Amino acid sequence: MSGERGQASVELLGGLPVLLLAGLVAFQLLAVGYASVIAGSAANAGALAMAAGSDPKAGVRESLPGWPRADARVEASHGRVRVSLRPPSLLRVLRRELEVTAEAAVNAP
């Protein structure tokens, strides 16, 4: 009986890194999805500001929550607003490689 309990402990220790890796992957996927939603919303806000005759970059920055505001790249020209964000990541290598981009346009009448 005590040998079976030892076997369960070994299996738990073997499976723990897999569970941890699955959790990190899930966190990263959620962070990328959230950044994509935020970028799309910010691009729309920038396009609305452009349509109103305001500065689209200021419209984008005002619509972003705190964490991506400083790192967001905003390009606005020819009736288009493009917002690029880097989602949060626990690994710096992924932070440099991942980027989410959204674009919105203003249709002139």
PDB file of N, CA and C in Angstrom:
ATOM      1  N   MET A   1       0.815  -1.193   0.000  1.00  0.00           N
ATOM      2  CA  MET A   1       0.000   0.000   0.000  1.00  0.00           C
ATOM      3  C   MET A   1       0.858   1.256   0.000  1.00  0.00           C
ATOM      4  N   SER A   2       1.931   1.280   0.794  1.00  0.00           N
ATOM      5  CA  SER A   2       2.782   2.468   0.831  1.00  0.00           C
ATOM      6  C   SER A   2       3.510   2.677  -0.485  1.00  0.00           C
ATOM      7  N   GLY A   3       3.760   1.594  -1.231  1.00  0.00           N
ATOM      8  CA  GLY A   3       4.402   1.727  -2.536  1.00  0.00           C
ATOM      9  C   GLY A   3       3.500   2.424  -3.535  1.00  0.00           C
ATOM     10  N   GLU A   4       2.185   2.200  -3.410  1.00  0.00           N
ATOM     11  CA  GLU A   4       1.243   2.861  -4.306  1.00  0.00           C
ATOM     12  C   GLU A   4       1.183   4.355  -4.040  1.00  0.00           C
ATOM     13  N   ARG A   5       1.273   4.741  -2.778  1.00  0.00           N
ATOM     14  CA  ARG A   5       1.276   6.172  -2.475  1.00  0.00           C
ATOM     15  C   ARG A   5       2.538   6.832  -3.020  1.00  0.00           C
ATOM     16  N   GLY A   6       3.644   6.129  -2.942  1.00  0.00           N
ATOM     17  CA  GLY A   6       4.877   6.671  -3.519  1.00  0.00           C
ATOM     18  C   GLY A   6       4.767   6.822  -5.019  1.00  0.00           C
ATOM     19  N   GLN A   7       4.087   5.864  -5.680  1.00  0.00           N
ATOM     20  CA  GLN A   7       3.893   5.928  -7.121  1.00  0.00           C
ATOM     21  C   GLN A   7       3.034   7.141  -7.490  1.00  0.00           C
ATOM     22  N   ALA A   8       2.014   7.420  -6.699  1.00  0.00           N
ATOM     23  CA  ALA A   8       1.159   8.577  -6.969  1.00  0.00           C
ATOM     24  C   ALA A   8       1.944   9.872  -6.838  1.00  0.00           C
ATOM     25  N   SER A   9       2.840   9.942  -5.882  1.00  0.00           N
ATOM     26  CA  SER A   9       3.655  11.147  -5.714  1.00  0.00           C
ATOM     27  C   SER A   9       4.577  11.354  -6.908  1.00  0.00           C
ATOM     28  N   VAL A  10       5.153  10.258  -7.396  1.00  0.00           N
ATOM     29  CA  VAL A  10       6.034  10.361  -8.562  1.00  0.00           C
ATOM     30  C   VAL A  10       5.238  10.803  -9.786  1.00  0.00           C
ATOM     31  N   GLU A  11       4.038  10.264  -9.949  1.00  0.00           N
ATOM     32  CA  GLU A  11       3.200  10.668 -11.085  1.00  0.00           C
ATOM     33  C   GLU A  11       2.792  12.133 -10.983  1.00  0.00           C
ATOM     34  N   LEU A  12       2.505  12.575  -9.782  1.00  0.00           N
ATOM     35  CA  LEU A  12       2.155  13.983  -9.591  1.00  0.00           C
ATOM     36  C   LEU A  12       3.336  14.875  -9.944  1.00  0.00           C
ATOM     37  N   LEU A  13       4.517  14.523  -9.493  1.00  0.00           N
ATOM     38  CA  LEU A  13       5.695  15.331  -9.819  1.00  0.00           C
ATOM     39  C   LEU A  13       5.998  15.306 -11.312  1.00  0.00           C
ATOM     40  N   GLY A  14       5.705  14.189 -11.963  1.00  0.00           N
ATOM     41  CA  GLY A  14       5.921  14.115 -13.404  1.00  0.00           C
ATOM     42  C   GLY A  14       4.898  14.928 -14.188  1.00  0.00           C
ATOM     43  N   GLY A  15       3.676  14.983 -13.680  1.00  0.00           N
ATOM     44  CA  GLY A  15       2.621  15.692 -14.383  1.00  0.00           C
ATOM     45  C   GLY A  15       2.553  17.168 -14.078  1.00  0.00           C
ATOM     46  N   LEU A  16       3.177  17.590 -12.989  1.00  0.00           N
ATOM     47  CA  LEU A  16       3.115  18.996 -12.594  1.00  0.00           C
ATOM     48  C   LEU A  16       3.705  19.946 -13.640  1.00  0.00           C
ATOM     49  N   PRO A  17       4.861  19.651 -14.229  1.00  0.00           N
ATOM     50  CA  PRO A  17       5.376  20.562 -15.266  1.00  0.00           C
ATOM     51  C   PRO A  17       4.449  20.666 -16.484  1.00  0.00           C
ATOM     52  N   VAL A  18       3.782  19.576 -16.823  1.00  0.00           N
ATOM     53  CA  VAL A  18       2.857  19.610 -17.955  1.00  0.00           C
ATOM     54  C   VAL A  18       1.671  20.515 -17.628  1.00  0.00           C
ATOM     55  N   LEU A  19       1.147  20.401 -16.410  1.00  0.00           N
ATOM     56  CA  LEU A  19       0.044  21.273 -16.001  1.00  0.00           C
ATOM     57  C   LEU A  19       0.475  22.738 -15.970  1.00  0.00           C
ATOM     58  N   LEU A  20       1.665  22.987 -15.485  1.00  0.00           N
ATOM     59  CA  LEU A  20       2.172  24.356 -15.437  1.00  0.00           C
ATOM     60  C   LEU A  20       2.339  24.930 -16.848  1.00  0.00           C
ATOM     61  N   LEU A  21       2.873  24.136 -17.749  1.00  0.00           N
ATOM     62  CA  LEU A  21       3.039  24.582 -19.137  1.00  0.00           C
ATOM     63  C   LEU A  21       1.689  24.846 -19.796  1.00  0.00           C
ATOM     64  N   ALA A  22       0.710  23.987 -19.548  1.00  0.00           N
ATOM     65  CA  ALA A  22      -0.622  24.185 -20.107  1.00  0.00           C
ATOM     66  C   ALA A  22      -1.244  25.476 -19.570  1.00  0.00           C
ATOM     67  N   GLY A  23      -1.023  25.760 -18.297  1.00  0.00           N
ATOM     68  CA  GLY A  23      -1.521  27.008 -17.721  1.00  0.00           C
ATOM     69  C   GLY A  23      -0.873  28.235 -18.342  1.00  0.00           C
ATOM     70  N   LEU A  24       0.430  28.169 -18.571  1.00  0.00           N
ATOM     71  CA  LEU A  24       1.135  29.296 -19.196  1.00  0.00           C
ATOM     72  C   LEU A  24       0.677  29.516 -20.633  1.00  0.00           C
ATOM     73  N   VAL A  25       0.459  28.431 -21.359  1.00  0.00           N
ATOM     74  CA  VAL A  25      -0.027  28.553 -22.738  1.00  0.00           C
ATOM     75  C   VAL A  25      -1.429  29.160 -22.749  1.00  0.00           C
ATOM     76  N   ALA A  26      -2.288  28.711 -21.834  1.00  0.00           N
ATOM     77  CA  ALA A  26      -3.639  29.259 -21.755  1.00  0.00           C
ATOM     78  C   ALA A  26      -3.605  30.751 -21.417  1.00  0.00           C
ATOM     79  N   PHE A  27      -2.741  31.139 -20.469  1.00  0.00           N
ATOM     80  CA  PHE A  27      -2.605  32.553 -20.118  1.00  0.00           C
ATOM     81  C   PHE A  27      -2.172  33.364 -21.337  1.00  0.00           C
ATOM     82  N   GLN A  28      -1.206  32.856 -22.091  1.00  0.00           N
ATOM     83  CA  GLN A  28      -0.703  33.603 -23.240  1.00  0.00           C
ATOM     84  C   GLN A  28      -1.769  33.744 -24.314  1.00  0.00           C
ATOM     85  N   LEU A  29      -2.534  32.690 -24.547  1.00  0.00           N
ATOM     86  CA  LEU A  29      -3.610  32.772 -25.540  1.00  0.00           C
ATOM     87  C   LEU A  29      -4.677  33.782 -25.125  1.00  0.00           C
ATOM     88  N   LEU A  30      -5.024  33.794 -23.858  1.00  0.00           N
ATOM     89  CA  LEU A  30      -5.994  34.775 -23.368  1.00  0.00           C
ATOM     90  C   LEU A  30      -5.452  36.197 -23.487  1.00  0.00           C
ATOM     91  N   ALA A  31      -4.163  36.383 -23.191  1.00  0.00           N
ATOM     92  CA  ALA A  31      -3.560  37.715 -23.289  1.00  0.00           C
ATOM     93  C   ALA A  31      -3.546  38.211 -24.733  1.00  0.00           C
ATOM     94  N   VAL A  32      -3.259  37.329 -25.676  1.00  0.00           N
ATOM     95  CA  VAL A  32      -3.265  37.718 -27.092  1.00  0.00           C
ATOM     96  C   VAL A  32      -4.684  38.067 -27.538  1.00  0.00           C
ATOM     97  N   GLY A  33      -5.656  37.282 -27.129  1.00  0.00           N
ATOM     98  CA  GLY A  33      -7.044  37.575 -27.481  1.00  0.00           C
ATOM     99  C   GLY A  33      -7.518  38.895 -26.899  1.00  0.00           C
ATOM    100  N   TYR A  34      -7.182  39.141 -25.644  1.00  0.00           N
ATOM    101  CA  TYR A  34      -7.572  40.394 -25.003  1.00  0.00           C
ATOM    102  C   TYR A  34      -6.907  41.588 -25.685  1.00  0.00           C
ATOM    103  N   ALA A  35      -5.619  41.453 -26.010  1.00  0.00           N
ATOM    104  CA  ALA A  35      -4.917  42.535 -26.706  1.00  0.00           C
ATOM    105  C   ALA A  35      -5.524  42.792 -28.083  1.00  0.00           C
ATOM    106  N   SER A  36      -5.985  41.739 -28.743  1.00  0.00           N
ATOM    107  CA  SER A  36      -6.616  41.891 -30.050  1.00  0.00           C
ATOM    108  C   SER A  36      -7.923  42.677 -29.942  1.00  0.00           C
ATOM    109  N   VAL A  37      -8.711  42.382 -28.919  1.00  0.00           N
ATOM    110  CA  VAL A  37      -9.965  43.106 -28.707  1.00  0.00           C
ATOM    111  C   VAL A  37      -9.694  44.576 -28.393  1.00  0.00           C
ATOM    112  N   ILE A  38      -8.710  44.825 -27.533  1.00  0.00           N
ATOM    113  CA  ILE A  38      -8.362  46.196 -27.162  1.00  0.00           C
ATOM    114  C   ILE A  38      -7.849  46.973 -28.372  1.00  0.00           C
ATOM    115  N   ALA A  39      -7.010  46.325 -29.193  1.00  0.00           N
ATOM    116  CA  ALA A  39      -6.478  47.006 -30.378  1.00  0.00           C
ATOM    117  C   ALA A  39      -7.592  47.362 -31.354  1.00  0.00           C
ATOM    118  N   GLY A  40      -8.543  46.462 -31.550  1.00  0.00           N
ATOM    119  CA  GLY A  40      -9.663  46.738 -32.442  1.00  0.00           C
ATOM    120  C   GLY A  40     -10.512  47.891 -31.950  1.00  0.00           C
ATOM    121  N   SER A  41     -10.779  47.904 -30.673  1.00  0.00           N
ATOM    122  CA  SER A  41     -11.565  48.988 -30.090  1.00  0.00           C
ATOM    123  C   SER A  41     -10.823  50.321 -30.191  1.00  0.00           C
ATOM    124  N   ALA A  42      -9.518  50.295 -29.945  1.00  0.00           N
ATOM    125  CA  ALA A  42      -8.730  51.525 -30.033  1.00  0.00           C
ATOM    126  C   ALA A  42      -8.656  52.034 -31.474  1.00  0.00           C
ATOM    127  N   ALA A  43      -8.530  51.129 -32.437  1.00  0.00           N
ATOM    128  CA  ALA A  43      -8.501  51.549 -33.847  1.00  0.00           C
ATOM    129  C   ALA A  43      -9.824  52.200 -34.236  1.00  0.00           C
ATOM    130  N   ASN A  44     -10.927  51.630 -33.761  1.00  0.00           N
ATOM    131  CA  ASN A  44     -12.240  52.240 -34.041  1.00  0.00           C
ATOM    132  C   ASN A  44     -12.351  53.625 -33.406  1.00  0.00           C
ATOM    133  N   ALA A  45     -11.851  53.768 -32.181  1.00  0.00           N
ATOM    134  CA  ALA A  45     -11.878  55.075 -31.514  1.00  0.00           C
ATOM    135  C   ALA A  45     -11.033  56.087 -32.274  1.00  0.00           C
ATOM    136  N   GLY A  46      -9.897  55.658 -32.794  1.00  0.00           N
ATOM    137  CA  GLY A  46      -9.059  56.549 -33.586  1.00  0.00           C
ATOM    138  C   GLY A  46      -9.726  56.951 -34.884  1.00  0.00           C
ATOM    139  N   ALA A  47     -10.429  56.010 -35.525  1.00  0.00           N
ATOM    140  CA  ALA A  47     -11.140  56.336 -36.763  1.00  0.00           C
ATOM    141  C   ALA A  47     -12.295  57.303 -36.495  1.00  0.00           C
ATOM    142  N   LEU A  48     -12.986  57.119 -35.380  1.00  0.00           N
ATOM    143  CA  LEU A  48     -14.056  58.054 -35.019  1.00  0.00           C
ATOM    144  C   LEU A  48     -13.501  59.454 -34.748  1.00  0.00           C
ATOM    145  N   ALA A  49     -12.350  59.510 -34.083  1.00  0.00           N
ATOM    146  CA  ALA A  49     -11.727  60.808 -33.827  1.00  0.00           C
ATOM    147  C   ALA A  49     -11.308  61.462 -35.147  1.00  0.00           C
ATOM    148  N   MET A  50     -10.777  60.656 -36.059  1.00  0.00           N
ATOM    149  CA  MET A  50     -10.372  61.186 -37.359  1.00  0.00           C
ATOM    150  C   MET A  50     -11.581  61.716 -38.119  1.00  0.00           C
ATOM    151  N   ALA A  51     -12.693  60.995 -38.063  1.00  0.00           N
ATOM    152  CA  ALA A  51     -13.908  61.432 -38.750  1.00  0.00           C
ATOM    153  C   ALA A  51     -14.453  62.727 -38.156  1.00  0.00           C
ATOM    154  N   ALA A  52     -14.223  62.934 -36.859  1.00  0.00           N
ATOM    155  CA  ALA A  52     -14.692  64.154 -36.195  1.00  0.00           C
ATOM    156  C   ALA A  52     -13.721  65.314 -36.375  1.00  0.00           C
ATOM    157  N   GLY A  53     -12.594  65.060 -37.012  1.00  0.00           N
ATOM    158  CA  GLY A  53     -11.614  66.120 -37.232  1.00  0.00           C
ATOM    159  C   GLY A  53     -10.622  66.277 -36.099  1.00  0.00           C
ATOM    160  N   SER A  54     -10.616  65.355 -35.155  1.00  0.00           N
ATOM    161  CA  SER A  54      -9.667  65.402 -34.033  1.00  0.00           C
ATOM    162  C   SER A  54      -8.433  64.575 -34.363  1.00  0.00           C
ATOM    163  N   ASP A  55      -7.480  64.598 -33.448  1.00  0.00           N
ATOM    164  CA  ASP A  55      -6.261  63.825 -33.606  1.00  0.00           C
ATOM    165  C   ASP A  55      -6.564  62.346 -33.358  1.00  0.00           C
ATOM    166  N   PRO A  56      -6.393  61.487 -34.368  1.00  0.00           N
ATOM    167  CA  PRO A  56      -6.713  60.071 -34.174  1.00  0.00           C
ATOM    168  C   PRO A  56      -5.798  59.380 -33.158  1.00  0.00           C
ATOM    169  N   LYS A  57      -4.544  59.820 -33.086  1.00  0.00           N
ATOM    170  CA  LYS A  57      -3.629  59.205 -32.114  1.00  0.00           C
ATOM    171  C   LYS A  57      -4.072  59.495 -30.689  1.00  0.00           C
ATOM    172  N   ALA A  58      -4.571  60.695 -30.444  1.00  0.00           N
ATOM    173  CA  ALA A  58      -5.082  61.024 -29.121  1.00  0.00           C
ATOM    174  C   ALA A  58      -6.340  60.214 -28.820  1.00  0.00           C
ATOM    175  N   GLY A  59      -7.178  59.996 -29.816  1.00  0.00           N
ATOM    176  CA  GLY A  59      -8.365  59.167 -29.631  1.00  0.00           C
ATOM    177  C   GLY A  59      -8.022  57.738 -29.282  1.00  0.00           C
ATOM    178  N   VAL A  60      -6.986  57.219 -29.923  1.00  0.00           N
ATOM    179  CA  VAL A  60      -6.534  55.857 -29.619  1.00  0.00           C
ATOM    180  C   VAL A  60      -6.000  55.788 -28.196  1.00  0.00           C
ATOM    181  N   ARG A  61      -5.132  56.707 -27.842  1.00  0.00           N
ATOM    182  CA  ARG A  61      -4.500  56.677 -26.508  1.00  0.00           C
ATOM    183  C   ARG A  61      -5.538  56.813 -25.391  1.00  0.00           C
ATOM    184  N   GLU A  62      -6.561  57.644 -25.608  1.00  0.00           N
ATOM    185  CA  GLU A  62      -7.588  57.823 -24.587  1.00  0.00           C
ATOM    186  C   GLU A  62      -8.438  56.567 -24.404  1.00  0.00           C
ATOM    187  N   SER A  63      -8.583  55.778 -25.451  1.00  0.00           N
ATOM    188  CA  SER A  63      -9.438  54.596 -25.355  1.00  0.00           C
ATOM    189  C   SER A  63      -8.720  53.377 -24.780  1.00  0.00           C
ATOM    190  N   LEU A  64      -7.398  53.430 -24.716  1.00  0.00           N
ATOM    191  CA  LEU A  64      -6.641  52.285 -24.211  1.00  0.00           C
ATOM    192  C   LEU A  64      -6.597  52.272 -22.687  1.00  0.00           C
ATOM    193  N   PRO A  65      -6.647  51.076 -22.082  1.00  0.00           N
ATOM    194  CA  PRO A  65      -6.440  50.997 -20.633  1.00  0.00           C
ATOM    195  C   PRO A  65      -4.976  51.256 -20.304  1.00  0.00           C
ATOM    196  N   GLY A  66      -4.621  51.240 -19.058  1.00  0.00           N
ATOM    197  CA  GLY A  66      -3.287  51.643 -18.621  1.00  0.00           C
ATOM    198  C   GLY A  66      -2.110  50.885 -19.198  1.00  0.00           C
ATOM    199  N   TRP A  67      -2.151  49.555 -19.188  1.00  0.00           N
ATOM    200  CA  TRP A  67      -0.934  48.817 -19.543  1.00  0.00           C
ATOM    201  C   TRP A  67      -0.473  48.974 -20.982  1.00  0.00           C
ATOM    202  N   PRO A  68      -1.320  49.024 -22.013  1.00  0.00           N
ATOM    203  CA  PRO A  68      -0.774  49.136 -23.366  1.00  0.00           C
ATOM    204  C   PRO A  68      -0.586  50.567 -23.855  1.00  0.00           C
ATOM    205  N   ARG A  69      -1.017  51.542 -23.064  1.00  0.00           N
ATOM    206  CA  ARG A  69      -1.002  52.932 -23.528  1.00  0.00           C
ATOM    207  C   ARG A  69       0.399  53.399 -23.910  1.00  0.00           C
ATOM    208  N   ALA A  70       1.398  53.055 -23.124  1.00  0.00           N
ATOM    209  CA  ALA A  70       2.762  53.534 -23.385  1.00  0.00           C
ATOM    210  C   ALA A  70       3.414  52.805 -24.559  1.00  0.00           C
ATOM    211  N   ASP A  71       3.042  51.534 -24.774  1.00  0.00           N
ATOM    212  CA  ASP A  71       3.714  50.729 -25.804  1.00  0.00           C
ATOM    213  C   ASP A  71       2.976  50.681 -27.137  1.00  0.00           C
ATOM    214  N   ALA A  72       1.797  51.239 -27.211  1.00  0.00           N
ATOM    215  CA  ALA A  72       0.997  51.135 -28.438  1.00  0.00           C
ATOM    216  C   ALA A  72       1.638  51.932 -29.569  1.00  0.00           C
ATOM    217  N   ARG A  73       1.630  51.321 -30.745  1.00  0.00           N
ATOM    218  CA  ARG A  73       2.077  52.032 -31.945  1.00  0.00           C
ATOM    219  C   ARG A  73       0.838  52.390 -32.748  1.00  0.00           C
ATOM    220  N   VAL A  74       0.742  53.657 -33.109  1.00  0.00           N
ATOM    221  CA  VAL A  74      -0.431  54.145 -33.834  1.00  0.00           C
ATOM    222  C   VAL A  74       0.034  54.788 -35.129  1.00  0.00           C
ATOM    223  N   GLU A  75      -0.557  54.360 -36.230  1.00  0.00           N
ATOM    224  CA  GLU A  75      -0.290  54.953 -37.530  1.00  0.00           C
ATOM    225  C   GLU A  75      -1.627  55.443 -38.090  1.00  0.00           C
ATOM    226  N   ALA A  76      -1.664  56.686 -38.502  1.00  0.00           N
ATOM    227  CA  ALA A  76      -2.901  57.246 -39.048  1.00  0.00           C
ATOM    228  C   ALA A  76      -2.575  58.001 -40.328  1.00  0.00           C
ATOM    229  N   SER A  77      -3.153  57.553 -41.442  1.00  0.00           N
ATOM    230  CA  SER A  77      -2.962  58.258 -42.709  1.00  0.00           C
ATOM    231  C   SER A  77      -3.997  57.778 -43.720  1.00  0.00           C
ATOM    232  N   HIS A  78      -4.364  58.661 -44.623  1.00  0.00           N
ATOM    233  CA  HIS A  78      -5.277  58.355 -45.727  1.00  0.00           C
ATOM    234  C   HIS A  78      -6.587  57.731 -45.241  1.00  0.00           C
ATOM    235  N   GLY A  79      -7.116  58.228 -44.142  1.00  0.00           N
ATOM    236  CA  GLY A  79      -8.401  57.740 -43.651  1.00  0.00           C
ATOM    237  C   GLY A  79      -8.340  56.397 -42.952  1.00  0.00           C
ATOM    238  N   ARG A  80      -7.157  55.920 -42.622  1.00  0.00           N
ATOM    239  CA  ARG A  80      -6.991  54.641 -41.941  1.00  0.00           C
ATOM    240  C   ARG A  80      -6.220  54.827 -40.644  1.00  0.00           C
ATOM    241  N   VAL A  81      -6.602  54.069 -39.639  1.00  0.00           N
ATOM    242  CA  VAL A  81      -5.904  54.076 -38.345  1.00  0.00           C
ATOM    243  C   VAL A  81      -5.489  52.645 -38.041  1.00  0.00           C
ATOM    244  N   ARG A  82      -4.221  52.458 -37.797  1.00  0.00           N
ATOM    245  CA  ARG A  82      -3.689  51.136 -37.461  1.00  0.00           C
ATOM    246  C   ARG A  82      -3.082  51.189 -36.065  1.00  0.00           C
ATOM    247  N   VAL A  83      -3.474  50.246 -35.220  1.00  0.00           N
ATOM    248  CA  VAL A  83      -2.986  50.160 -33.849  1.00  0.00           C
ATOM    249  C   VAL A  83      -2.282  48.822 -33.679  1.00  0.00           C
ATOM    250  N   SER A  84      -1.057  48.861 -33.167  1.00  0.00           N
ATOM    251  CA  SER A  84      -0.291  47.647 -32.892  1.00  0.00           C
ATOM    252  C   SER A  84       0.046  47.599 -31.409  1.00  0.00           C
ATOM    253  N   LEU A  85      -0.237  46.455 -30.784  1.00  0.00           N
ATOM    254  CA  LEU A  85       0.030  46.253 -29.356  1.00  0.00           C
ATOM    255  C   LEU A  85       0.811  44.974 -29.145  1.00  0.00           C
ATOM    256  N   ARG A  86       1.572  44.955 -28.091  1.00  0.00           N
ATOM    257  CA  ARG A  86       2.249  43.735 -27.662  1.00  0.00           C
ATOM    258  C   ARG A  86       1.549  43.235 -26.401  1.00  0.00           C
ATOM    259  N   PRO A  87       0.981  42.031 -26.466  1.00  0.00           N
ATOM    260  CA  PRO A  87       0.267  41.522 -25.290  1.00  0.00           C
ATOM    261  C   PRO A  87       1.233  41.211 -24.151  1.00  0.00           C
ATOM    262  N   PRO A  88       0.748  41.236 -22.917  1.00  0.00           N
ATOM    263  CA  PRO A  88       1.621  40.898 -21.794  1.00  0.00           C
ATOM    264  C   PRO A  88       2.041  39.435 -21.881  1.00  0.00           C
ATOM    265  N   SER A  89       3.245  39.166 -21.419  1.00  0.00           N
ATOM    266  CA  SER A  89       3.765  37.800 -21.440  1.00  0.00           C
ATOM    267  C   SER A  89       4.717  37.625 -20.271  1.00  0.00           C
ATOM    268  N   LEU A  90       4.745  36.409 -19.752  1.00  0.00           N
ATOM    269  CA  LEU A  90       5.672  36.103 -18.666  1.00  0.00           C
ATOM    270  C   LEU A  90       7.087  35.871 -19.183  1.00  0.00           C
ATOM    271  N   LEU A  91       7.215  35.610 -20.467  1.00  0.00           N
ATOM    272  CA  LEU A  91       8.524  35.382 -21.083  1.00  0.00           C
ATOM    273  C   LEU A  91       8.870  36.551 -21.999  1.00  0.00           C
ATOM    274  N   ARG A  92      10.023  37.141 -21.783  1.00  0.00           N
ATOM    275  CA  ARG A  92      10.427  38.307 -22.593  1.00  0.00           C
ATOM    276  C   ARG A  92      10.582  37.966 -24.066  1.00  0.00           C
ATOM    277  N   VAL A  93      11.005  36.747 -24.352  1.00  0.00           N
ATOM    278  CA  VAL A  93      11.178  36.333 -25.745  1.00  0.00           C
ATOM    279  C   VAL A  93       9.831  36.408 -26.474  1.00  0.00           C
ATOM    280  N   LEU A  94       8.777  35.923 -25.839  1.00  0.00           N
ATOM    281  CA  LEU A  94       7.456  35.984 -26.458  1.00  0.00           C
ATOM    282  C   LEU A  94       6.961  37.413 -26.557  1.00  0.00           C
ATOM    283  N   ARG A  95       7.253  38.217 -25.582  1.00  0.00           N
ATOM    284  CA  ARG A  95       6.801  39.622 -25.590  1.00  0.00           C
ATOM    285  C   ARG A  95       7.354  40.353 -26.794  1.00  0.00           C
ATOM    286  N   ARG A  96       8.605  40.058 -27.147  1.00  0.00           N
ATOM    287  CA  ARG A  96       9.205  40.727 -28.304  1.00  0.00           C
ATOM    288  C   ARG A  96       8.641  40.195 -29.620  1.00  0.00           C
ATOM    289  N   GLU A  97       8.247  38.931 -29.639  1.00  0.00           N
ATOM    290  CA  GLU A  97       7.808  38.313 -30.890  1.00  0.00           C
ATOM    291  C   GLU A  97       6.325  38.495 -31.182  1.00  0.00           C
ATOM    292  N   LEU A  98       5.502  38.551 -30.153  1.00  0.00           N
ATOM    293  CA  LEU A  98       4.059  38.654 -30.358  1.00  0.00           C
ATOM    294  C   LEU A  98       3.647  40.099 -30.569  1.00  0.00           C
ATOM    295  N   GLU A  99       2.802  40.297 -31.546  1.00  0.00           N
ATOM    296  CA  GLU A  99       2.244  41.631 -31.771  1.00  0.00           C
ATOM    297  C   GLU A  99       0.860  41.474 -32.386  1.00  0.00           C
ATOM    298  N   VAL A 100      -0.061  42.254 -31.907  1.00  0.00           N
ATOM    299  CA  VAL A 100      -1.437  42.231 -32.401  1.00  0.00           C
ATOM    300  C   VAL A 100      -1.688  43.563 -33.110  1.00  0.00           C
ATOM    301  N   THR A 101      -2.288  43.505 -34.282  1.00  0.00           N
ATOM    302  CA  THR A 101      -2.551  44.702 -35.061  1.00  0.00           C
ATOM    303  C   THR A 101      -4.027  44.747 -35.453  1.00  0.00           C
ATOM    304  N   ALA A 102      -4.610  45.915 -35.357  1.00  0.00           N
ATOM    305  CA  ALA A 102      -5.986  46.133 -35.804  1.00  0.00           C
ATOM    306  C   ALA A 102      -6.038  47.409 -36.617  1.00  0.00           C
ATOM    307  N   GLU A 103      -6.971  47.460 -37.544  1.00  0.00           N
ATOM    308  CA  GLU A 103      -7.078  48.617 -38.426  1.00  0.00           C
ATOM    309  C   GLU A 103      -8.540  49.014 -38.594  1.00  0.00           C
ATOM    310  N   ALA A 104      -8.767  50.296 -38.678  1.00  0.00           N
ATOM    311  CA  ALA A 104     -10.109  50.827 -38.925  1.00  0.00           C
ATOM    312  C   ALA A 104      -9.983  51.954 -39.948  1.00  0.00           C
ATOM    313  N   ALA A 105     -11.042  52.146 -40.707  1.00  0.00           N
ATOM    314  CA  ALA A 105     -11.016  53.157 -41.757  1.00  0.00           C
ATOM    315  C   ALA A 105     -12.205  54.095 -41.626  1.00  0.00           C
ATOM    316  N   VAL A 106     -12.000  55.297 -42.143  1.00  0.00           N
ATOM    317  CA  VAL A 106     -13.049  56.299 -42.199  1.00  0.00           C
ATOM    318  C   VAL A 106     -13.509  56.374 -43.649  1.00  0.00           C
ATOM    319  N   ASN A 107     -14.790  56.169 -43.859  1.00  0.00           N
ATOM    320  CA  ASN A 107     -15.333  56.254 -45.215  1.00  0.00           C
ATOM    321  C   ASN A 107     -15.810  57.671 -45.465  1.00  0.00           C
ATOM    322  N   ALA A 108     -15.199  58.310 -46.439  1.00  0.00           N
ATOM    323  CA  ALA A 108     -15.589  59.679 -46.798  1.00  0.00           C
ATOM    324  C   ALA A 108     -16.849  59.627 -47.674  1.00  0.00           C
ATOM    325  N   PRO A 109     -17.815  60.506 -47.423  1.00  0.00           N
ATOM    326  CA  PRO A 109     -19.039  60.508 -48.244  1.00  0.00           C
ATOM    327  C   PRO A 109     -18.801  61.038 -49.636  1.00  0.00           C
TER     328      PRO A 109
END
